[in-house]
Amino acid sequence: TLRVYGLPFMTLPFCLAALVFIVIQGTTSNVISVPLSSMTTPEDHLKRVKRLSAGFDLLFRAIRSSSYQGDLR
């Protein structure tokens, strides 16, 4: 069907999937936008995500275990 236009067979599904990610960009917290200049390899990105996740876990545990009473004075 796409041969008439000179396109490879899997071009249309890829373009539709890419369009979905472009449309939902910024509307969900499950998809993390990363600047292209900071990406080197998928492994580096995975290391960065794991470090951030561990840091946030440590922060949340510290907040929960503190004697915070909710009084900001």
C-alpha atoms as a PDB file:
ATOM      1  CA  THR A   1       0.000   0.000   0.000  1.00  0.00           C
ATOM      2  CA  LEU A   2       2.847   2.415   0.766  1.00  0.00           C
ATOM      3  CA  ARG A   3       4.850   1.117  -2.184  1.00  0.00           C
ATOM      4  CA  VAL A   4       2.905   3.498  -4.406  1.00  0.00           C
ATOM      5  CA  TYR A   5       4.451   6.406  -2.482  1.00  0.00           C
ATOM      6  CA  GLY A   6       7.917   4.840  -2.318  1.00  0.00           C
ATOM      7  CA  LEU A   7       7.872   4.416   1.482  1.00  0.00           C
ATOM      8  CA  PRO A   8       9.092   1.370   3.424  1.00  0.00           C
ATOM      9  CA  PHE A   9       6.429  -0.838   4.984  1.00  0.00           C
ATOM     10  CA  MET A  10       7.011   0.090   8.655  1.00  0.00           C
ATOM     11  CA  THR A  11       7.214   3.857   8.090  1.00  0.00           C
ATOM     12  CA  LEU A  12       3.555   4.546   8.885  1.00  0.00           C
ATOM     13  CA  PRO A  13       3.481   2.778  12.307  1.00  0.00           C
ATOM     14  CA  PHE A  14       6.711   4.530  13.316  1.00  0.00           C
ATOM     15  CA  CYS A  15       5.376   7.935  12.309  1.00  0.00           C
ATOM     16  CA  LEU A  16       2.117   7.349  14.203  1.00  0.00           C
ATOM     17  CA  ALA A  17       3.961   6.233  17.345  1.00  0.00           C
ATOM     18  CA  ALA A  18       6.305   9.232  17.144  1.00  0.00           C
ATOM     19  CA  LEU A  19       3.308  11.535  16.701  1.00  0.00           C
ATOM     20  CA  VAL A  20       1.713  10.147  19.873  1.00  0.00           C
ATOM     21  CA  PHE A  21       4.851  10.933  21.895  1.00  0.00           C
ATOM     22  CA  ILE A  22       5.070  14.415  20.400  1.00  0.00           C
ATOM     23  CA  VAL A  23       1.436  15.131  21.265  1.00  0.00           C
ATOM     24  CA  ILE A  24       1.667  13.891  24.884  1.00  0.00           C
ATOM     25  CA  GLN A  25       4.962  15.673  25.530  1.00  0.00           C
ATOM     26  CA  GLY A  26       4.584  17.764  28.661  1.00  0.00           C
ATOM     27  CA  THR A  27       1.135  16.414  29.556  1.00  0.00           C
ATOM     28  CA  THR A  28       2.245  13.407  31.597  1.00  0.00           C
ATOM     29  CA  SER A  29       4.884  12.846  34.230  1.00  0.00           C
ATOM     30  CA  ASN A  30       5.559   9.280  33.034  1.00  0.00           C
ATOM     31  CA  VAL A  31       7.481  10.461  29.975  1.00  0.00           C
ATOM     32  CA  ILE A  32      10.679  12.309  30.859  1.00  0.00           C
ATOM     33  CA  SER A  33      11.971  14.749  28.276  1.00  0.00           C
ATOM     34  CA  VAL A  34      15.761  14.756  28.032  1.00  0.00           C
ATOM     35  CA  PRO A  35      17.746  17.326  26.035  1.00  0.00           C
ATOM     36  CA  LEU A  36      19.454  15.678  23.091  1.00  0.00           C
ATOM     37  CA  SER A  37      22.770  17.283  23.983  1.00  0.00           C
ATOM     38  CA  SER A  38      22.842  15.431  27.322  1.00  0.00           C
ATOM     39  CA  MET A  39      22.202  12.011  25.768  1.00  0.00           C
ATOM     40  CA  THR A  40      25.192   9.916  24.819  1.00  0.00           C
ATOM     41  CA  THR A  41      24.089   6.293  25.102  1.00  0.00           C
ATOM     42  CA  PRO A  42      20.978   4.557  26.488  1.00  0.00           C
ATOM     43  CA  GLU A  43      23.155   3.144  29.281  1.00  0.00           C
ATOM     44  CA  ASP A  44      24.145   6.662  30.414  1.00  0.00           C
ATOM     45  CA  HIS A  45      20.491   7.673  30.453  1.00  0.00           C
ATOM     46  CA  LEU A  46      19.584   4.609  32.525  1.00  0.00           C
ATOM     47  CA  LYS A  47      22.352   5.408  35.039  1.00  0.00           C
ATOM     48  CA  ARG A  48      21.060   8.990  35.325  1.00  0.00           C
ATOM     49  CA  VAL A  49      17.475   7.842  35.898  1.00  0.00           C
ATOM     50  CA  LYS A  50      18.562   5.335  38.563  1.00  0.00           C
ATOM     51  CA  ARG A  51      20.650   7.981  40.367  1.00  0.00           C
ATOM     52  CA  LEU A  52      17.770  10.467  40.320  1.00  0.00           C
ATOM     53  CA  SER A  53      15.343   7.809  41.509  1.00  0.00           C
ATOM     54  CA  ALA A  54      17.633   6.801  44.363  1.00  0.00           C
ATOM     55  CA  GLY A  55      18.107  10.453  45.313  1.00  0.00           C
ATOM     56  CA  PHE A  56      14.375  11.101  45.380  1.00  0.00           C
ATOM     57  CA  ASP A  57      13.793   7.945  47.432  1.00  0.00           C
ATOM     58  CA  LEU A  58      16.379   9.130  49.959  1.00  0.00           C
ATOM     59  CA  LEU A  59      14.764  12.573  50.093  1.00  0.00           C
ATOM     60  CA  PHE A  60      11.249  11.169  50.590  1.00  0.00           C
ATOM     61  CA  ARG A  61      12.443   8.819  53.339  1.00  0.00           C
ATOM     62  CA  ALA A  62      14.190  11.710  55.095  1.00  0.00           C
ATOM     63  CA  ILE A  63      11.032  13.822  54.918  1.00  0.00           C
ATOM     64  CA  ARG A  64       8.847  11.003  56.245  1.00  0.00           C
ATOM     65  CA  SER A  65      11.207  10.148  59.092  1.00  0.00           C
ATOM     66  CA  SER A  66      11.795  13.727  60.206  1.00  0.00           C
ATOM     67  CA  SER A  67       9.897  15.243  63.074  1.00  0.00           C
ATOM     68  CA  TYR A  68       8.121  17.636  60.731  1.00  0.00           C
ATOM     69  CA  GLN A  69       4.915  18.802  62.404  1.00  0.00           C
ATOM     70  CA  GLY A  70       3.648  20.978  59.574  1.00  0.00           C
ATOM     71  CA  ASP A  71       4.435  24.225  61.407  1.00  0.00           C
ATOM     72  CA  LEU A  72       6.385  26.540  59.087  1.00  0.00           C
ATOM     73  CA  ARG A  73       7.105  29.263  61.695  1.00  0.00           C
END
